[in-house]
Amino acid sequence: MRKISITKDKFHMDDEILEVAEGEVKPIGNGGMILSSKKYVGKKVYVLIRKE
């Protein structure tokens, strides 16, 4: 069961997570991409953009 809550500047998510990866969005054309392992192609993902 998925449970996501956002209050003020806090984010909390209860979900079954396979892997957590950190990376940088790379430019491609007029958009962007993130690198992921081939085994996750076709899977649903969460992309969180954090404030620096």
PDB file of N, CA and C in Angstrom:
ATOM      1  N   MET A   1       0.838  -1.173   0.000  1.00  0.00           N
ATOM      2  CA  MET A   1       0.000   0.000   0.000  1.00  0.00           C
ATOM      3  C   MET A   1       0.885   1.238   0.000  1.00  0.00           C
ATOM      4  N   ARG A   2       0.537   2.216  -0.824  1.00  0.00           N
ATOM      5  CA  ARG A   2       1.321   3.434  -0.954  1.00  0.00           C
ATOM      6  C   ARG A   2       0.713   4.529  -0.098  1.00  0.00           C
ATOM      7  N   LYS A   3       1.570   5.236   0.622  1.00  0.00           N
ATOM      8  CA  LYS A   3       1.120   6.349   1.447  1.00  0.00           C
ATOM      9  C   LYS A   3       2.139   7.471   1.304  1.00  0.00           C
ATOM     10  N   ILE A   4       1.684   8.627   0.805  1.00  0.00           N
ATOM     11  CA  ILE A   4       2.552   9.778   0.605  1.00  0.00           C
ATOM     12  C   ILE A   4       1.924  10.979   1.284  1.00  0.00           C
ATOM     13  N   SER A   5       2.726  11.708   2.046  1.00  0.00           N
ATOM     14  CA  SER A   5       2.221  12.928   2.668  1.00  0.00           C
ATOM     15  C   SER A   5       3.257  14.038   2.542  1.00  0.00           C
ATOM     16  N   ILE A   6       2.765  15.241   2.253  1.00  0.00           N
ATOM     17  CA  ILE A   6       3.623  16.419   2.152  1.00  0.00           C
ATOM     18  C   ILE A   6       3.013  17.497   3.030  1.00  0.00           C
ATOM     19  N   THR A   7       3.771  17.950   4.029  1.00  0.00           N
ATOM     20  CA  THR A   7       3.322  19.016   4.907  1.00  0.00           C
ATOM     21  C   THR A   7       4.442  20.045   5.029  1.00  0.00           C
ATOM     22  N   LYS A   8       4.119  21.267   4.687  1.00  0.00           N
ATOM     23  CA  LYS A   8       5.097  22.363   4.672  1.00  0.00           C
ATOM     24  C   LYS A   8       6.315  21.947   3.861  1.00  0.00           C
ATOM     25  N   ASP A   9       7.481  21.828   4.459  1.00  0.00           N
ATOM     26  CA  ASP A   9       8.704  21.448   3.741  1.00  0.00           C
ATOM     27  C   ASP A   9       9.111  20.010   3.996  1.00  0.00           C
ATOM     28  N   LYS A  10       8.210  19.175   4.494  1.00  0.00           N
ATOM     29  CA  LYS A  10       8.533  17.781   4.818  1.00  0.00           C
ATOM     30  C   LYS A  10       7.821  16.838   3.858  1.00  0.00           C
ATOM     31  N   PHE A  11       8.503  15.797   3.438  1.00  0.00           N
ATOM     32  CA  PHE A  11       7.964  14.790   2.528  1.00  0.00           C
ATOM     33  C   PHE A  11       8.115  13.428   3.194  1.00  0.00           C
ATOM     34  N   HIS A  12       7.052  12.652   3.256  1.00  0.00           N
ATOM     35  CA  HIS A  12       7.103  11.328   3.861  1.00  0.00           C
ATOM     36  C   HIS A  12       6.415  10.341   2.916  1.00  0.00           C
ATOM     37  N   MET A  13       7.084   9.206   2.654  1.00  0.00           N
ATOM     38  CA  MET A  13       6.522   8.218   1.747  1.00  0.00           C
ATOM     39  C   MET A  13       6.701   6.823   2.345  1.00  0.00           C
ATOM     40  N   ASP A  14       5.606   6.083   2.444  1.00  0.00           N
ATOM     41  CA  ASP A  14       5.644   4.679   2.835  1.00  0.00           C
ATOM     42  C   ASP A  14       5.333   3.869   1.595  1.00  0.00           C
ATOM     43  N   ASP A  15       6.301   3.150   1.087  1.00  0.00           N
ATOM     44  CA  ASP A  15       6.121   2.333  -0.102  1.00  0.00           C
ATOM     45  C   ASP A  15       7.239   1.302  -0.133  1.00  0.00           C
ATOM     46  N   GLU A  16       7.043   0.245  -0.883  1.00  0.00           N
ATOM     47  CA  GLU A  16       8.093  -0.761  -1.038  1.00  0.00           C
ATOM     48  C   GLU A  16       9.123  -0.212  -2.013  1.00  0.00           C
ATOM     49  N   ILE A  17      10.353  -0.008  -1.556  1.00  0.00           N
ATOM     50  CA  ILE A  17      11.416   0.592  -2.358  1.00  0.00           C
ATOM     51  C   ILE A  17      12.452  -0.467  -2.690  1.00  0.00           C
ATOM     52  N   LEU A  18      12.815  -0.586  -3.967  1.00  0.00           N
ATOM     53  CA  LEU A  18      13.826  -1.540  -4.395  1.00  0.00           C
ATOM     54  C   LEU A  18      15.230  -0.968  -4.272  1.00  0.00           C
ATOM     55  N   GLU A  19      15.372   0.314  -4.593  1.00  0.00           N
ATOM     56  CA  GLU A  19      16.694   0.934  -4.595  1.00  0.00           C
ATOM     57  C   GLU A  19      16.529   2.442  -4.529  1.00  0.00           C
ATOM     58  N   VAL A  20      17.445   3.097  -3.884  1.00  0.00           N
ATOM     59  CA  VAL A  20      17.465   4.559  -3.864  1.00  0.00           C
ATOM     60  C   VAL A  20      18.745   4.982  -4.561  1.00  0.00           C
ATOM     61  N   ALA A  21      18.606   5.823  -5.564  1.00  0.00           N
ATOM     62  CA  ALA A  21      19.773   6.285  -6.314  1.00  0.00           C
ATOM     63  C   ALA A  21      19.780   7.797  -6.329  1.00  0.00           C
ATOM     64  N   GLU A  22      20.972   8.361  -6.271  1.00  0.00           N
ATOM     65  CA  GLU A  22      21.117   9.812  -6.337  1.00  0.00           C
ATOM     66  C   GLU A  22      21.924  10.131  -7.576  1.00  0.00           C
ATOM     67  N   GLY A  23      21.508  11.129  -8.305  1.00  0.00           N
ATOM     68  CA  GLY A  23      22.224  11.501  -9.513  1.00  0.00           C
ATOM     69  C   GLY A  23      21.883  12.908  -9.915  1.00  0.00           C
ATOM     70  N   GLU A  24      22.368  13.291 -11.078  1.00  0.00           N
ATOM     71  CA  GLU A  24      22.137  14.628 -11.592  1.00  0.00           C
ATOM     72  C   GLU A  24      21.368  14.492 -12.901  1.00  0.00           C
ATOM     73  N   VAL A  25      20.397  15.357 -13.116  1.00  0.00           N
ATOM     74  CA  VAL A  25      19.656  15.353 -14.368  1.00  0.00           C
ATOM     75  C   VAL A  25      20.590  15.835 -15.478  1.00  0.00           C
ATOM     76  N   LYS A  26      20.702  15.049 -16.537  1.00  0.00           N
ATOM     77  CA  LYS A  26      21.581  15.389 -17.661  1.00  0.00           C
ATOM     78  C   LYS A  26      20.744  15.967 -18.796  1.00  0.00           C
ATOM     79  N   PRO A  27      21.256  16.995 -19.476  1.00  0.00           N
ATOM     80  CA  PRO A  27      20.500  17.585 -20.581  1.00  0.00           C
ATOM     81  C   PRO A  27      20.439  16.638 -21.781  1.00  0.00           C
ATOM     82  N   ILE A  28      19.274  16.580 -22.423  1.00  0.00           N
ATOM     83  CA  ILE A  28      19.108  15.814 -23.661  1.00  0.00           C
ATOM     84  C   ILE A  28      18.071  16.556 -24.490  1.00  0.00           C
ATOM     85  N   GLY A  29      18.486  17.139 -25.602  1.00  0.00           N
ATOM     86  CA  GLY A  29      17.583  17.963 -26.417  1.00  0.00           C
ATOM     87  C   GLY A  29      17.111  19.157 -25.608  1.00  0.00           C
ATOM     88  N   ASN A  30      15.792  19.370 -25.572  1.00  0.00           N
ATOM     89  CA  ASN A  30      15.262  20.471 -24.768  1.00  0.00           C
ATOM     90  C   ASN A  30      14.623  19.935 -23.485  1.00  0.00           C
ATOM     91  N   GLY A  31      15.018  18.731 -23.066  1.00  0.00           N
ATOM     92  CA  GLY A  31      14.518  18.115 -21.837  1.00  0.00           C
ATOM     93  C   GLY A  31      15.676  17.638 -20.983  1.00  0.00           C
ATOM     94  N   GLY A  32      15.422  16.637 -20.186  1.00  0.00           N
ATOM     95  CA  GLY A  32      16.455  16.094 -19.340  1.00  0.00           C
ATOM     96  C   GLY A  32      16.243  14.607 -19.123  1.00  0.00           C
ATOM     97  N   MET A  33      17.251  13.927 -18.601  1.00  0.00           N
ATOM     98  CA  MET A  33      17.143  12.493 -18.323  1.00  0.00           C
ATOM     99  C   MET A  33      17.923  12.160 -17.062  1.00  0.00           C
ATOM    100  N   ILE A  34      17.612  11.034 -16.466  1.00  0.00           N
ATOM    101  CA  ILE A  34      18.385  10.503 -15.361  1.00  0.00           C
ATOM    102  C   ILE A  34      18.828   9.099 -15.738  1.00  0.00           C
ATOM    103  N   LEU A  35      19.955   8.685 -15.248  1.00  0.00           N
ATOM    104  CA  LEU A  35      20.463   7.355 -15.543  1.00  0.00           C
ATOM    105  C   LEU A  35      19.919   6.362 -14.534  1.00  0.00           C
ATOM    106  N   SER A  36      19.586   5.183 -15.026  1.00  0.00           N
ATOM    107  CA  SER A  36      19.062   4.126 -14.180  1.00  0.00           C
ATOM    108  C   SER A  36      19.566   2.796 -14.709  1.00  0.00           C
ATOM    109  N   SER A  37      19.565   1.802 -13.861  1.00  0.00           N
ATOM    110  CA  SER A  37      19.957   0.467 -14.270  1.00  0.00           C
ATOM    111  C   SER A  37      18.951  -0.088 -15.277  1.00  0.00           C
ATOM    112  N   LYS A  38      19.424  -0.874 -16.233  1.00  0.00           N
ATOM    113  CA  LYS A  38      18.560  -1.441 -17.277  1.00  0.00           C
ATOM    114  C   LYS A  38      17.443  -2.298 -16.692  1.00  0.00           C
ATOM    115  N   LYS A  39      17.676  -2.894 -15.533  1.00  0.00           N
ATOM    116  CA  LYS A  39      16.663  -3.765 -14.936  1.00  0.00           C
ATOM    117  C   LYS A  39      15.416  -3.006 -14.507  1.00  0.00           C
ATOM    118  N   TYR A  40      15.473  -1.656 -14.454  1.00  0.00           N
ATOM    119  CA  TYR A  40      14.321  -0.862 -14.055  1.00  0.00           C
ATOM    120  C   TYR A  40      13.574  -0.260 -15.241  1.00  0.00           C
ATOM    121  N   VAL A  41      13.983  -0.555 -16.475  1.00  0.00           N
ATOM    122  CA  VAL A  41      13.288  -0.041 -17.650  1.00  0.00           C
ATOM    123  C   VAL A  41      11.854  -0.559 -17.640  1.00  0.00           C
ATOM    124  N   GLY A  42      10.904   0.337 -17.789  1.00  0.00           N
ATOM    125  CA  GLY A  42       9.496  -0.026 -17.789  1.00  0.00           C
ATOM    126  C   GLY A  42       8.845   0.015 -16.416  1.00  0.00           C
ATOM    127  N   LYS A  43       9.628   0.244 -15.358  1.00  0.00           N
ATOM    128  CA  LYS A  43       9.083   0.327 -13.999  1.00  0.00           C
ATOM    129  C   LYS A  43       8.611   1.741 -13.714  1.00  0.00           C
ATOM    130  N   LYS A  44       7.671   1.883 -12.804  1.00  0.00           N
ATOM    131  CA  LYS A  44       7.251   3.203 -12.347  1.00  0.00           C
ATOM    132  C   LYS A  44       8.291   3.701 -11.346  1.00  0.00           C
ATOM    133  N   VAL A  45       8.559   4.996 -11.387  1.00  0.00           N
ATOM    134  CA  VAL A  45       9.597   5.569 -10.530  1.00  0.00           C
ATOM    135  C   VAL A  45       9.097   6.841  -9.868  1.00  0.00           C
ATOM    136  N   TYR A  46       9.796   7.260  -8.824  1.00  0.00           N
ATOM    137  CA  TYR A  46       9.600   8.554  -8.196  1.00  0.00           C
ATOM    138  C   TYR A  46      10.808   9.399  -8.549  1.00  0.00           C
ATOM    139  N   VAL A  47      10.575  10.597  -8.994  1.00  0.00           N
ATOM    140  CA  VAL A  47      11.665  11.547  -9.223  1.00  0.00           C
ATOM    141  C   VAL A  47      11.397  12.725  -8.305  1.00  0.00           C
ATOM    142  N   LEU A  48      12.300  12.960  -7.397  1.00  0.00           N
ATOM    143  CA  LEU A  48      12.166  14.039  -6.428  1.00  0.00           C
ATOM    144  C   LEU A  48      13.202  15.106  -6.773  1.00  0.00           C
ATOM    145  N   ILE A  49      12.756  16.329  -6.969  1.00  0.00           N
ATOM    146  CA  ILE A  49      13.654  17.443  -7.236  1.00  0.00           C
ATOM    147  C   ILE A  49      13.851  18.186  -5.925  1.00  0.00           C
ATOM    148  N   ARG A  50      15.077  18.231  -5.460  1.00  0.00           N
ATOM    149  CA  ARG A  50      15.298  18.864  -4.159  1.00  0.00           C
ATOM    150  C   ARG A  50      15.902  20.244  -4.327  1.00  0.00           C
ATOM    151  N   LYS A  51      15.565  21.097  -3.399  1.00  0.00           N
ATOM    152  CA  LYS A  51      16.075  22.457  -3.377  1.00  0.00           C
ATOM    153  C   LYS A  51      17.492  22.420  -2.820  1.00  0.00           C
ATOM    154  N   GLU A  52      18.401  23.143  -3.459  1.00  0.00           N
ATOM    155  CA  GLU A  52      19.789  23.134  -3.005  1.00  0.00           C
ATOM    156  C   GLU A  52      20.050  24.263  -2.053  1.00  0.00           C
TER     157      GLU A  52
END
